[in-house]
PDB file of N, CA and C in Angstrom:
ATOM      1  N   MET A   1       0.736  -1.152   0.043  1.00  0.00           N
ATOM      2  CA  MET A   1      -0.188  -0.170   0.032  1.00  0.00           C
ATOM      3  C   MET A   1       0.889   0.856   0.278  1.00  0.00           C
ATOM      4  N   ALA A   2       0.471   2.486  -0.525  1.00  0.00           N
ATOM      5  CA  ALA A   2       1.252   3.074  -0.616  1.00  0.00           C
ATOM      6  C   ALA A   2       0.950   4.500   0.248  1.00  0.00           C
ATOM      7  N   GLU A   3       2.250   5.712   0.586  1.00  0.00           N
ATOM      8  CA  GLU A   3       1.585   5.976   1.170  1.00  0.00           C
ATOM      9  C   GLU A   3       0.010   6.824   1.684  1.00  0.00           C
ATOM     10  N   VAL A   4      -0.204   7.145   3.169  1.00  0.00           N
ATOM     11  CA  VAL A   4      -1.105   7.024   3.202  1.00  0.00           C
ATOM     12  C   VAL A   4      -1.724   8.139   3.491  1.00  0.00           C
ATOM     13  N   ALA A   5      -0.658   9.194   3.973  1.00  0.00           N
ATOM     14  CA  ALA A   5      -1.495  10.657   3.701  1.00  0.00           C
ATOM     15  C   ALA A   5      -0.198  11.790   3.843  1.00  0.00           C
ATOM     16  N   PRO A   6      -0.443  13.028   2.737  1.00  0.00           N
ATOM     17  CA  PRO A   6       0.296  13.726   2.441  1.00  0.00           C
ATOM     18  C   PRO A   6       1.678  13.989   3.919  1.00  0.00           C
ATOM     19  N   LYS A   7       2.569  13.622   3.678  1.00  0.00           N
ATOM     20  CA  LYS A   7       3.696  14.582   4.784  1.00  0.00           C
ATOM     21  C   LYS A   7       3.305  16.111   5.314  1.00  0.00           C
ATOM     22  N   ASN A   8       2.661  16.925   4.551  1.00  0.00           N
ATOM     23  CA  ASN A   8       2.284  18.380   5.464  1.00  0.00           C
ATOM     24  C   ASN A   8       0.665  17.915   5.156  1.00  0.00           C
ATOM     25  N   GLY A   9       0.083  16.611   5.627  1.00  0.00           N
ATOM     26  CA  GLY A   9      -1.518  16.335   6.009  1.00  0.00           C
ATOM     27  C   GLY A   9      -1.307  16.257   7.149  1.00  0.00           C
ATOM     28  N   GLU A  10      -2.645  16.545   7.713  1.00  0.00           N
ATOM     29  CA  GLU A  10      -2.879  16.787   8.749  1.00  0.00           C
ATOM     30  C   GLU A  10      -4.651  15.789   9.210  1.00  0.00           C
ATOM     31  N   TYR A  11      -5.246  15.528  10.716  1.00  0.00           N
ATOM     32  CA  TYR A  11      -5.853  14.338  10.537  1.00  0.00           C
ATOM     33  C   TYR A  11      -7.059  14.516  10.883  1.00  0.00           C
ATOM     34  N   MET A  12      -8.293  13.747  10.710  1.00  0.00           N
ATOM     35  CA  MET A  12      -9.875  14.141  10.842  1.00  0.00           C
ATOM     36  C   MET A  12     -10.289  12.782  11.798  1.00  0.00           C
ATOM     37  N   ASP A  13      -9.904  12.839  13.377  1.00  0.00           N
ATOM     38  CA  ASP A  13     -10.425  11.687  13.853  1.00  0.00           C
ATOM     39  C   ASP A  13     -10.048   9.861  13.501  1.00  0.00           C
ATOM     40  N   GLY A  14      -8.323  10.318  12.999  1.00  0.00           N
ATOM     41  CA  GLY A  14      -7.720   9.065  12.303  1.00  0.00           C
ATOM     42  C   GLY A  14      -8.237   8.870  11.558  1.00  0.00           C
ATOM     43  N   LYS A  15      -8.765   8.613  10.447  1.00  0.00           N
ATOM     44  CA  LYS A  15      -9.980   8.056   9.798  1.00  0.00           C
ATOM     45  C   LYS A  15      -9.347   9.094   8.021  1.00  0.00           C
ATOM     46  N   LEU A  16      -9.160  10.207   8.318  1.00  0.00           N
ATOM     47  CA  LEU A  16      -9.058  10.390   6.996  1.00  0.00           C
ATOM     48  C   LEU A  16      -8.455  12.216   7.768  1.00  0.00           C
ATOM     49  N   TRP A  17      -7.634  12.523   6.371  1.00  0.00           N
ATOM     50  CA  TRP A  17      -6.725  13.173   6.315  1.00  0.00           C
ATOM     51  C   TRP A  17      -7.143  14.138   5.281  1.00  0.00           C
ATOM     52  N   PHE A  18      -6.669  15.419   5.612  1.00  0.00           N
ATOM     53  CA  PHE A  18      -6.551  16.639   5.004  1.00  0.00           C
ATOM     54  C   PHE A  18      -5.419  17.467   4.547  1.00  0.00           C
ATOM     55  N   GLN A  19      -5.756  18.411   3.632  1.00  0.00           N
ATOM     56  CA  GLN A  19      -4.161  18.790   3.223  1.00  0.00           C
ATOM     57  C   GLN A  19      -4.599  19.894   2.373  1.00  0.00           C
ATOM     58  N   ARG A  20      -4.149  21.245   2.860  1.00  0.00           N
ATOM     59  CA  ARG A  20      -4.493  22.578   2.910  1.00  0.00           C
ATOM     60  C   ARG A  20      -4.139  23.189   1.768  1.00  0.00           C
ATOM     61  N   LYS A  21      -4.346  23.976   0.456  1.00  0.00           N
ATOM     62  CA  LYS A  21      -3.604  24.956  -0.487  1.00  0.00           C
ATOM     63  C   LYS A  21      -4.189  25.923  -0.439  1.00  0.00           C
ATOM     64  N   GLY A  22      -4.283  27.326   0.641  1.00  0.00           N
ATOM     65  CA  GLY A  22      -4.837  27.590   0.159  1.00  0.00           C
ATOM     66  C   GLY A  22      -6.007  28.053   0.445  1.00  0.00           C
ATOM     67  N   SER A  23      -7.431  28.256   0.017  1.00  0.00           N
ATOM     68  CA  SER A  23      -8.979  27.782   0.113  1.00  0.00           C
ATOM     69  C   SER A  23      -9.592  26.814   0.105  1.00  0.00           C
ATOM     70  N   VAL A  24      -8.500  25.421  -0.378  1.00  0.00           N
ATOM     71  CA  VAL A  24      -9.315  24.343  -0.976  1.00  0.00           C
ATOM     72  C   VAL A  24      -8.637  23.254   0.100  1.00  0.00           C
ATOM     73  N   VAL A  25      -9.321  22.077   0.583  1.00  0.00           N
ATOM     74  CA  VAL A  25      -8.524  21.214   1.138  1.00  0.00           C
ATOM     75  C   VAL A  25      -9.020  20.315   0.219  1.00  0.00           C
ATOM     76  N   THR A  26      -8.250  19.387  -0.153  1.00  0.00           N
ATOM     77  CA  THR A  26      -8.264  17.659  -0.595  1.00  0.00           C
ATOM     78  C   THR A  26      -8.502  16.617   1.226  1.00  0.00           C
ATOM     79  N   ILE A  27      -9.670  16.014   0.346  1.00  0.00           N
ATOM     80  CA  ILE A  27      -9.757  15.283   2.038  1.00  0.00           C
ATOM     81  C   ILE A  27      -9.541  13.709   1.443  1.00  0.00           C
ATOM     82  N   GLY A  28      -9.254  12.641   2.442  1.00  0.00           N
ATOM     83  CA  GLY A  28      -8.737  11.822   1.421  1.00  0.00           C
ATOM     84  C   GLY A  28      -9.033   9.762   2.856  1.00  0.00           C
ATOM     85  N   MET A  29      -8.808   9.379   3.093  1.00  0.00           N
ATOM     86  CA  MET A  29      -8.479   8.440   3.980  1.00  0.00           C
ATOM     87  C   MET A  29      -7.791   7.933   4.872  1.00  0.00           C
ATOM     88  N   THR A  30      -7.108   7.514   5.572  1.00  0.00           N
ATOM     89  CA  THR A  30      -6.360   7.262   6.231  1.00  0.00           C
ATOM     90  C   THR A  30      -6.104   5.140   6.050  1.00  0.00           C
ATOM     91  N   ASN A  31      -5.105   4.904   6.551  1.00  0.00           N
ATOM     92  CA  ASN A  31      -4.383   3.785   6.412  1.00  0.00           C
ATOM     93  C   ASN A  31      -5.454   3.053   7.129  1.00  0.00           C
ATOM     94  N   ALA A  32      -5.923   3.710   8.497  1.00  0.00           N
ATOM     95  CA  ALA A  32      -6.847   3.104   9.896  1.00  0.00           C
ATOM     96  C   ALA A  32      -7.979   3.120   9.409  1.00  0.00           C
ATOM     97  N   ALA A  33      -8.385   3.924   8.458  1.00  0.00           N
ATOM     98  CA  ALA A  33     -10.061   3.779   7.416  1.00  0.00           C
ATOM     99  C   ALA A  33     -10.189   2.807   6.950  1.00  0.00           C
ATOM    100  N   ILE A  34      -8.802   2.279   5.873  1.00  0.00           N
ATOM    101  CA  ILE A  34      -8.616   1.767   5.241  1.00  0.00           C
ATOM    102  C   ILE A  34      -8.755  -0.250   5.196  1.00  0.00           C
ATOM    103  N   GLU A  35      -7.784  -0.170   5.833  1.00  0.00           N
ATOM    104  CA  GLU A  35      -8.199  -1.240   6.872  1.00  0.00           C
ATOM    105  C   GLU A  35      -9.213  -2.040   7.867  1.00  0.00           C
ATOM    106  N   GLU A  36      -9.588  -0.739   8.606  1.00  0.00           N
ATOM    107  CA  GLU A  36     -11.287  -0.597   9.166  1.00  0.00           C
ATOM    108  C   GLU A  36     -12.354  -0.480   8.040  1.00  0.00           C
ATOM    109  N   LEU A  37     -12.216  -0.629   6.602  1.00  0.00           N
ATOM    110  CA  LEU A  37     -13.544  -0.819   5.624  1.00  0.00           C
ATOM    111  C   LEU A  37     -13.379  -2.159   5.293  1.00  0.00           C
ATOM    112  N   GLY A  38     -12.083  -2.456   4.633  1.00  0.00           N
ATOM    113  CA  GLY A  38     -12.096  -3.621   3.816  1.00  0.00           C
ATOM    114  C   GLY A  38     -11.932  -3.340   2.392  1.00  0.00           C
ATOM    115  N   ALA A  39     -12.213  -4.421   2.006  1.00  0.00           N
ATOM    116  CA  ALA A  39     -11.567  -4.023   0.361  1.00  0.00           C
ATOM    117  C   ALA A  39     -13.186  -2.605  -0.245  1.00  0.00           C
ATOM    118  N   VAL A  40     -12.574  -2.113  -0.367  1.00  0.00           N
ATOM    119  CA  VAL A  40     -13.660  -1.015  -0.688  1.00  0.00           C
ATOM    120  C   VAL A  40     -14.892  -1.180  -1.906  1.00  0.00           C
ATOM    121  N   GLN A  41     -16.137  -1.241  -1.477  1.00  0.00           N
ATOM    122  CA  GLN A  41     -16.684  -1.775  -2.592  1.00  0.00           C
ATOM    123  C   GLN A  41     -17.554  -0.785  -3.966  1.00  0.00           C
ATOM    124  N   SER A  42     -17.775   0.443  -2.756  1.00  0.00           N
ATOM    125  CA  SER A  42     -18.228   0.932  -4.282  1.00  0.00           C
ATOM    126  C   SER A  42     -18.783   2.804  -3.065  1.00  0.00           C
ATOM    127  N   ILE A  43     -17.931   3.877  -3.719  1.00  0.00           N
ATOM    128  CA  ILE A  43     -18.332   5.137  -3.028  1.00  0.00           C
ATOM    129  C   ILE A  43     -19.158   6.186  -3.627  1.00  0.00           C
ATOM    130  N   GLU A  44     -19.674   6.426  -2.635  1.00  0.00           N
ATOM    131  CA  GLU A  44     -20.896   7.865  -3.153  1.00  0.00           C
ATOM    132  C   GLU A  44     -20.702   9.143  -2.988  1.00  0.00           C
ATOM    133  N   PHE A  45     -20.190   9.783  -4.137  1.00  0.00           N
ATOM    134  CA  PHE A  45     -19.710  10.884  -3.843  1.00  0.00           C
ATOM    135  C   PHE A  45     -20.926  12.018  -4.255  1.00  0.00           C
ATOM    136  N   PRO A  46     -20.565  13.256  -3.685  1.00  0.00           N
ATOM    137  CA  PRO A  46     -21.298  14.343  -4.032  1.00  0.00           C
ATOM    138  C   PRO A  46     -20.829  14.920  -5.416  1.00  0.00           C
ATOM    139  N   GLU A  47     -21.836  15.401  -5.933  1.00  0.00           N
ATOM    140  CA  GLU A  47     -21.170  16.543  -7.256  1.00  0.00           C
ATOM    141  C   GLU A  47     -20.619  17.609  -6.899  1.00  0.00           C
ATOM    142  N   GLU A  48     -19.462  18.255  -8.073  1.00  0.00           N
ATOM    143  CA  GLU A  48     -19.002  19.345  -8.151  1.00  0.00           C
ATOM    144  C   GLU A  48     -19.711  20.571  -8.010  1.00  0.00           C
ATOM    145  N   GLY A  49     -19.995  21.056  -6.948  1.00  0.00           N
ATOM    146  CA  GLY A  49     -20.586  22.967  -7.497  1.00  0.00           C
ATOM    147  C   GLY A  49     -21.645  22.176  -5.691  1.00  0.00           C
ATOM    148  N   ASP A  50     -21.825  20.853  -5.442  1.00  0.00           N
ATOM    149  CA  ASP A  50     -21.868  21.190  -4.293  1.00  0.00           C
ATOM    150  C   ASP A  50     -22.596  22.142  -2.800  1.00  0.00           C
ATOM    151  N   ASP A  51     -22.828  22.339  -2.453  1.00  0.00           N
ATOM    152  CA  ASP A  51     -22.628  23.000  -0.973  1.00  0.00           C
ATOM    153  C   ASP A  51     -22.806  21.902   0.272  1.00  0.00           C
ATOM    154  N   PHE A  52     -21.566  22.291   1.161  1.00  0.00           N
ATOM    155  CA  PHE A  52     -21.525  21.735   2.572  1.00  0.00           C
ATOM    156  C   PHE A  52     -21.768  22.472   3.879  1.00  0.00           C
ATOM    157  N   THR A  53     -22.531  22.114   4.594  1.00  0.00           N
ATOM    158  CA  THR A  53     -21.789  22.890   5.877  1.00  0.00           C
ATOM    159  C   THR A  53     -20.762  21.884   6.634  1.00  0.00           C
ATOM    160  N   LYS A  54     -20.543  23.206   8.117  1.00  0.00           N
ATOM    161  CA  LYS A  54     -18.713  21.951   8.641  1.00  0.00           C
ATOM    162  C   LYS A  54     -20.436  20.934   9.367  1.00  0.00           C
ATOM    163  N   ASN A  55     -19.163  19.981   9.509  1.00  0.00           N
ATOM    164  CA  ASN A  55     -19.684  18.241   9.895  1.00  0.00           C
ATOM    165  C   ASN A  55     -20.849  17.754   9.054  1.00  0.00           C
ATOM    166  N   GLU A  56     -21.428  17.976   8.071  1.00  0.00           N
ATOM    167  CA  GLU A  56     -21.924  17.685   7.258  1.00  0.00           C
ATOM    168  C   GLU A  56     -21.477  16.120   6.561  1.00  0.00           C
ATOM    169  N   VAL A  57     -22.230  15.737   6.270  1.00  0.00           N
ATOM    170  CA  VAL A  57     -21.714  14.135   5.411  1.00  0.00           C
ATOM    171  C   VAL A  57     -21.346  14.927   3.999  1.00  0.00           C
ATOM    172  N   VAL A  58     -20.337  14.990   3.552  1.00  0.00           N
ATOM    173  CA  VAL A  58     -19.778  14.807   2.295  1.00  0.00           C
ATOM    174  C   VAL A  58     -20.271  13.745   1.401  1.00  0.00           C
ATOM    175  N   LEU A  59     -19.182  12.657   1.613  1.00  0.00           N
ATOM    176  CA  LEU A  59     -19.904  11.409   0.953  1.00  0.00           C
ATOM    177  C   LEU A  59     -19.739   9.903   1.397  1.00  0.00           C
ATOM    178  N   THR A  60     -20.054   9.193   0.707  1.00  0.00           N
ATOM    179  CA  THR A  60     -20.007   8.147   2.138  1.00  0.00           C
ATOM    180  C   THR A  60     -19.347   6.445   1.114  1.00  0.00           C
ATOM    181  N   VAL A  61     -18.358   5.904   1.941  1.00  0.00           N
ATOM    182  CA  VAL A  61     -17.046   4.957   1.333  1.00  0.00           C
ATOM    183  C   VAL A  61     -17.504   3.222   2.377  1.00  0.00           C
ATOM    184  N   ASP A  62     -18.173   2.597   0.871  1.00  0.00           N
ATOM    185  CA  ASP A  62     -18.893   1.329   1.581  1.00  0.00           C
ATOM    186  C   ASP A  62     -17.508   0.304   0.975  1.00  0.00           C
ATOM    187  N   GLY A  63     -17.301  -0.389   2.453  1.00  0.00           N
ATOM    188  CA  GLY A  63     -16.640  -1.423   1.771  1.00  0.00           C
ATOM    189  C   GLY A  63     -17.442  -2.731   3.199  1.00  0.00           C
ATOM    190  N   SER A  64     -16.681  -4.187   2.406  1.00  0.00           N
ATOM    191  CA  SER A  64     -16.147  -5.599   2.543  1.00  0.00           C
ATOM    192  C   SER A  64     -16.782  -5.713   3.686  1.00  0.00           C
ATOM    193  N   ASN A  65     -16.505  -4.286   5.057  1.00  0.00           N
ATOM    194  CA  ASN A  65     -16.848  -4.496   6.661  1.00  0.00           C
ATOM    195  C   ASN A  65     -17.514  -3.437   7.361  1.00  0.00           C
ATOM    196  N   GLY A  66     -17.887  -2.502   6.135  1.00  0.00           N
ATOM    197  CA  GLY A  66     -18.919  -1.633   6.811  1.00  0.00           C
ATOM    198  C   GLY A  66     -18.706  -0.042   5.891  1.00  0.00           C
ATOM    199  N   ARG A  67     -19.269   0.640   6.217  1.00  0.00           N
ATOM    200  CA  ARG A  67     -19.522   2.005   6.017  1.00  0.00           C
ATOM    201  C   ARG A  67     -18.534   3.094   6.367  1.00  0.00           C
ATOM    202  N   LEU A  68     -18.493   4.317   5.499  1.00  0.00           N
ATOM    203  CA  LEU A  68     -17.320   5.271   6.718  1.00  0.00           C
ATOM    204  C   LEU A  68     -18.208   6.629   5.621  1.00  0.00           C
ATOM    205  N   GLU A  69     -18.942   7.047   7.131  1.00  0.00           N
ATOM    206  CA  GLU A  69     -19.537   8.271   6.444  1.00  0.00           C
ATOM    207  C   GLU A  69     -17.879  10.099   6.017  1.00  0.00           C
ATOM    208  N   VAL A  70     -17.948  10.085   5.204  1.00  0.00           N
ATOM    209  CA  VAL A  70     -17.086  11.469   5.174  1.00  0.00           C
ATOM    210  C   VAL A  70     -17.314  12.184   5.466  1.00  0.00           C
ATOM    211  N   ILE A  71     -17.141  13.537   6.083  1.00  0.00           N
ATOM    212  CA  ILE A  71     -17.583  14.973   6.257  1.00  0.00           C
ATOM    213  C   ILE A  71     -16.933  15.920   6.454  1.00  0.00           C
ATOM    214  N   SER A  72     -17.707  16.601   6.142  1.00  0.00           N
ATOM    215  CA  SER A  72     -16.987  18.303   5.440  1.00  0.00           C
ATOM    216  C   SER A  72     -16.202  18.827   6.775  1.00  0.00           C
ATOM    217  N   PRO A  73     -14.969  18.633   7.149  1.00  0.00           N
ATOM    218  CA  PRO A  73     -14.785  19.942   7.898  1.00  0.00           C
ATOM    219  C   PRO A  73     -14.690  21.467   7.845  1.00  0.00           C
ATOM    220  N   ALA A  74     -15.018  22.050   7.022  1.00  0.00           N
ATOM    221  CA  ALA A  74     -15.526  23.031   6.947  1.00  0.00           C
ATOM    222  C   ALA A  74     -16.300  23.030   6.380  1.00  0.00           C
ATOM    223  N   THR A  75     -17.337  24.770   5.982  1.00  0.00           N
ATOM    224  CA  THR A  75     -18.612  25.365   5.187  1.00  0.00           C
ATOM    225  C   THR A  75     -17.569  25.551   3.512  1.00  0.00           C
ATOM    226  N   GLY A  76     -18.376  25.048   3.222  1.00  0.00           N
ATOM    227  CA  GLY A  76     -17.999  25.283   1.500  1.00  0.00           C
ATOM    228  C   GLY A  76     -18.517  24.440   0.480  1.00  0.00           C
ATOM    229  N   ILE A  77     -17.516  24.457  -0.843  1.00  0.00           N
ATOM    230  CA  ILE A  77     -18.374  24.437  -2.103  1.00  0.00           C
ATOM    231  C   ILE A  77     -17.625  23.014  -3.018  1.00  0.00           C
ATOM    232  N   ILE A  78     -17.783  21.863  -3.213  1.00  0.00           N
ATOM    233  CA  ILE A  78     -16.718  21.172  -4.162  1.00  0.00           C
ATOM    234  C   ILE A  78     -16.115  22.073  -5.152  1.00  0.00           C
ATOM    235  N   GLN A  79     -15.606  21.361  -5.291  1.00  0.00           N
ATOM    236  CA  GLN A  79     -14.472  22.518  -6.034  1.00  0.00           C
ATOM    237  C   GLN A  79     -14.327  20.925  -7.191  1.00  0.00           C
ATOM    238  N   GLU A  80     -13.470  19.913  -6.792  1.00  0.00           N
ATOM    239  CA  GLU A  80     -13.600  18.749  -7.318  1.00  0.00           C
ATOM    240  C   GLU A  80     -13.977  17.596  -7.169  1.00  0.00           C
ATOM    241  N   VAL A  81     -14.275  16.571  -7.608  1.00  0.00           N
ATOM    242  CA  VAL A  81     -14.430  14.946  -7.349  1.00  0.00           C
ATOM    243  C   VAL A  81     -13.127  14.186  -8.167  1.00  0.00           C
ATOM    244  N   ASN A  82     -12.565  13.664  -7.291  1.00  0.00           N
ATOM    245  CA  ASN A  82     -11.887  12.446  -8.494  1.00  0.00           C
ATOM    246  C   ASN A  82     -12.234  11.532  -8.833  1.00  0.00           C
ATOM    247  N   THR A  83     -12.334  11.935 -10.438  1.00  0.00           N
ATOM    248  CA  THR A  83     -13.048  11.183 -11.047  1.00  0.00           C
ATOM    249  C   THR A  83     -11.941   9.419 -11.150  1.00  0.00           C
ATOM    250  N   THR A  84     -11.010   9.574 -10.955  1.00  0.00           N
ATOM    251  CA  THR A  84     -10.384   7.984 -11.231  1.00  0.00           C
ATOM    252  C   THR A  84     -11.019   7.512  -9.772  1.00  0.00           C
ATOM    253  N   ALA A  85     -11.077   7.594  -8.955  1.00  0.00           N
ATOM    254  CA  ALA A  85     -11.160   6.749  -7.762  1.00  0.00           C
ATOM    255  C   ALA A  85     -13.069   6.807  -8.304  1.00  0.00           C
ATOM    256  N   GLN A  86     -13.026   7.637  -8.605  1.00  0.00           N
ATOM    257  CA  GLN A  86     -15.075   7.563  -9.311  1.00  0.00           C
ATOM    258  C   GLN A  86     -15.433   6.070  -9.748  1.00  0.00           C
ATOM    259  N   GLN A  87     -14.029   6.236 -11.014  1.00  0.00           N
ATOM    260  CA  GLN A  87     -14.264   4.870 -11.568  1.00  0.00           C
ATOM    261  C   GLN A  87     -13.232   3.561 -11.440  1.00  0.00           C
ATOM    262  N   ASP A  88     -12.468   3.845 -10.351  1.00  0.00           N
ATOM    263  CA  ASP A  88     -12.183   2.373 -10.000  1.00  0.00           C
ATOM    264  C   ASP A  88     -11.427   2.653  -8.402  1.00  0.00           C
ATOM    265  N   PRO A  89     -12.321   2.446  -7.603  1.00  0.00           N
ATOM    266  CA  PRO A  89     -12.488   3.049  -6.061  1.00  0.00           C
ATOM    267  C   PRO A  89     -10.881   2.127  -5.204  1.00  0.00           C
ATOM    268  N   ASP A  90     -10.394   0.714  -6.654  1.00  0.00           N
ATOM    269  CA  ASP A  90      -9.275   0.413  -5.776  1.00  0.00           C
ATOM    270  C   ASP A  90      -8.481   1.319  -5.670  1.00  0.00           C
ATOM    271  N   ARG A  91      -8.152   2.226  -6.221  1.00  0.00           N
ATOM    272  CA  ARG A  91      -7.675   3.902  -6.257  1.00  0.00           C
ATOM    273  C   ARG A  91      -7.344   4.203  -4.507  1.00  0.00           C
ATOM    274  N   VAL A  92      -8.194   4.358  -4.059  1.00  0.00           N
ATOM    275  CA  VAL A  92      -8.780   4.728  -2.414  1.00  0.00           C
ATOM    276  C   VAL A  92      -7.074   3.686  -1.657  1.00  0.00           C
ATOM    277  N   THR A  93      -7.618   2.612  -2.059  1.00  0.00           N
ATOM    278  CA  THR A  93      -6.510   2.135  -0.865  1.00  0.00           C
ATOM    279  C   THR A  93      -5.223   1.698  -1.648  1.00  0.00           C
ATOM    280  N   GLU A  94      -5.107   1.459  -2.969  1.00  0.00           N
ATOM    281  CA  GLU A  94      -4.122   1.170  -3.646  1.00  0.00           C
ATOM    282  C   GLU A  94      -2.901   2.332  -3.310  1.00  0.00           C
ATOM    283  N   ASP A  95      -3.167   4.017  -3.547  1.00  0.00           N
ATOM    284  CA  ASP A  95      -3.027   5.166  -3.795  1.00  0.00           C
ATOM    285  C   ASP A  95      -3.465   6.212  -3.704  1.00  0.00           C
ATOM    286  N   PRO A  96      -3.947   5.959  -1.443  1.00  0.00           N
ATOM    287  CA  PRO A  96      -4.965   7.256  -1.001  1.00  0.00           C
ATOM    288  C   PRO A  96      -4.190   8.146  -0.894  1.00  0.00           C
ATOM    289  N   VAL A  97      -3.274   8.563  -1.438  1.00  0.00           N
ATOM    290  CA  VAL A  97      -2.750  10.118  -1.454  1.00  0.00           C
ATOM    291  C   VAL A  97      -2.636  10.649  -3.095  1.00  0.00           C
ATOM    292  N   GLU A  98      -2.138   9.716  -3.695  1.00  0.00           N
ATOM    293  CA  GLU A  98      -1.426  11.027  -5.072  1.00  0.00           C
ATOM    294  C   GLU A  98      -3.070  10.867  -6.099  1.00  0.00           C
ATOM    295  N   GLU A  99      -3.577   9.303  -6.187  1.00  0.00           N
ATOM    296  CA  GLU A  99      -4.412   8.981  -7.097  1.00  0.00           C
ATOM    297  C   GLU A  99      -5.767   8.564  -6.079  1.00  0.00           C
ATOM    298  N   GLY A 100      -5.697   8.439  -5.241  1.00  0.00           N
ATOM    299  CA  GLY A 100      -7.029   7.946  -4.059  1.00  0.00           C
ATOM    300  C   GLY A 100      -7.796   8.976  -3.267  1.00  0.00           C
ATOM    301  N   TRP A 101      -7.079  10.318  -3.610  1.00  0.00           N
ATOM    302  CA  TRP A 101      -7.947  11.194  -2.843  1.00  0.00           C
ATOM    303  C   TRP A 101      -9.455  11.276  -3.251  1.00  0.00           C
ATOM    304  N   LEU A 102     -10.427  11.984  -2.437  1.00  0.00           N
ATOM    305  CA  LEU A 102     -11.948  11.897  -2.211  1.00  0.00           C
ATOM    306  C   LEU A 102     -12.132  13.458  -3.575  1.00  0.00           C
ATOM    307  N   VAL A 103     -12.388  13.856  -2.752  1.00  0.00           N
ATOM    308  CA  VAL A 103     -12.744  15.061  -3.022  1.00  0.00           C
ATOM    309  C   VAL A 103     -11.563  16.817  -2.784  1.00  0.00           C
ATOM    310  N   LYS A 104     -11.903  17.394  -3.217  1.00  0.00           N
ATOM    311  CA  LYS A 104     -11.266  19.228  -2.693  1.00  0.00           C
ATOM    312  C   LYS A 104     -11.979  20.014  -2.496  1.00  0.00           C
ATOM    313  N   LEU A 105     -12.482  20.832  -1.427  1.00  0.00           N
ATOM    314  CA  LEU A 105     -13.544  21.189  -0.684  1.00  0.00           C
ATOM    315  C   LEU A 105     -12.789  23.011  -0.920  1.00  0.00           C
ATOM    316  N   GLU A 106     -13.513  23.779  -1.576  1.00  0.00           N
ATOM    317  CA  GLU A 106     -13.464  25.229  -1.688  1.00  0.00           C
ATOM    318  C   GLU A 106     -13.837  25.627  -0.007  1.00  0.00           C
ATOM    319  N   ILE A 107     -13.169  25.679   1.344  1.00  0.00           N
ATOM    320  CA  ILE A 107     -13.984  26.151   2.123  1.00  0.00           C
ATOM    321  C   ILE A 107     -13.771  27.894   2.527  1.00  0.00           C
ATOM    322  N   GLU A 108     -15.115  28.578   3.028  1.00  0.00           N
ATOM    323  CA  GLU A 108     -15.870  29.515   2.809  1.00  0.00           C
ATOM    324  C   GLU A 108     -14.971  30.600   4.275  1.00  0.00           C
ATOM    325  N   ASP A 109     -14.807  29.623   5.545  1.00  0.00           N
ATOM    326  CA  ASP A 109     -13.814  30.376   6.682  1.00  0.00           C
ATOM    327  C   ASP A 109     -12.461  29.084   7.101  1.00  0.00           C
ATOM    328  N   THR A 110     -11.420  29.521   6.479  1.00  0.00           N
ATOM    329  CA  THR A 110     -10.563  28.321   7.003  1.00  0.00           C
ATOM    330  C   THR A 110      -9.879  28.326   8.537  1.00  0.00           C
ATOM    331  N   SER A 111     -10.616  29.897   9.491  1.00  0.00           N
ATOM    332  CA  SER A 111     -10.643  29.637  11.210  1.00  0.00           C
ATOM    333  C   SER A 111     -11.644  27.921  11.276  1.00  0.00           C
ATOM    334  N   ASP A 112     -12.318  27.925  10.162  1.00  0.00           N
ATOM    335  CA  ASP A 112     -13.297  26.291  10.496  1.00  0.00           C
ATOM    336  C   ASP A 112     -11.946  25.578  11.156  1.00  0.00           C
ATOM    337  N   LEU A 113     -10.767  24.929  10.185  1.00  0.00           N
ATOM    338  CA  LEU A 113      -9.832  24.467  10.304  1.00  0.00           C
ATOM    339  C   LEU A 113      -8.926  23.889  11.381  1.00  0.00           C
ATOM    340  N   GLN A 114      -8.640  25.228  12.028  1.00  0.00           N
ATOM    341  CA  GLN A 114      -7.961  25.696  13.244  1.00  0.00           C
ATOM    342  C   GLN A 114      -8.822  24.566  13.895  1.00  0.00           C
ATOM    343  N   GLU A 115      -9.783  24.496  14.178  1.00  0.00           N
ATOM    344  CA  GLU A 115     -10.350  23.224  15.391  1.00  0.00           C
ATOM    345  C   GLU A 115      -9.615  21.745  15.309  1.00  0.00           C
ATOM    346  N   LEU A 116      -9.424  21.437  14.177  1.00  0.00           N
ATOM    347  CA  LEU A 116      -8.355  19.825  13.625  1.00  0.00           C
ATOM    348  C   LEU A 116      -7.629  20.229  13.628  1.00  0.00           C
ATOM    349  N   ALA A 117      -6.534  20.983  13.571  1.00  0.00           N
ATOM    350  CA  ALA A 117      -5.388  21.593  13.437  1.00  0.00           C
ATOM    351  C   ALA A 117      -4.636  20.594  14.917  1.00  0.00           C
TER     352      ALA A 117
END
């Protein structure tokens, strides 16, 4: 399995990582979440342009051992959905940082993220 979080990433609940670049946050799964879920069977992605409030469920990942609800770390709008992971959910477990990240969220207020750091 490839690296499970970016070197300069931060963590949410030990199951998700996020990486900030300006007002955009990339969100992905950690090794702990991948091991807990087992083989990823499906991912229910949002649409680009969808807006979410802080702590709202953004997407769900179904695995052979259960389901993970990915929550938004801040209020914002989905800027990008990882189409590679959408077409091939195995990419999430095989390369969770480079090719298996989940979504990019453009956040409204970066102070929302300070609670997570």
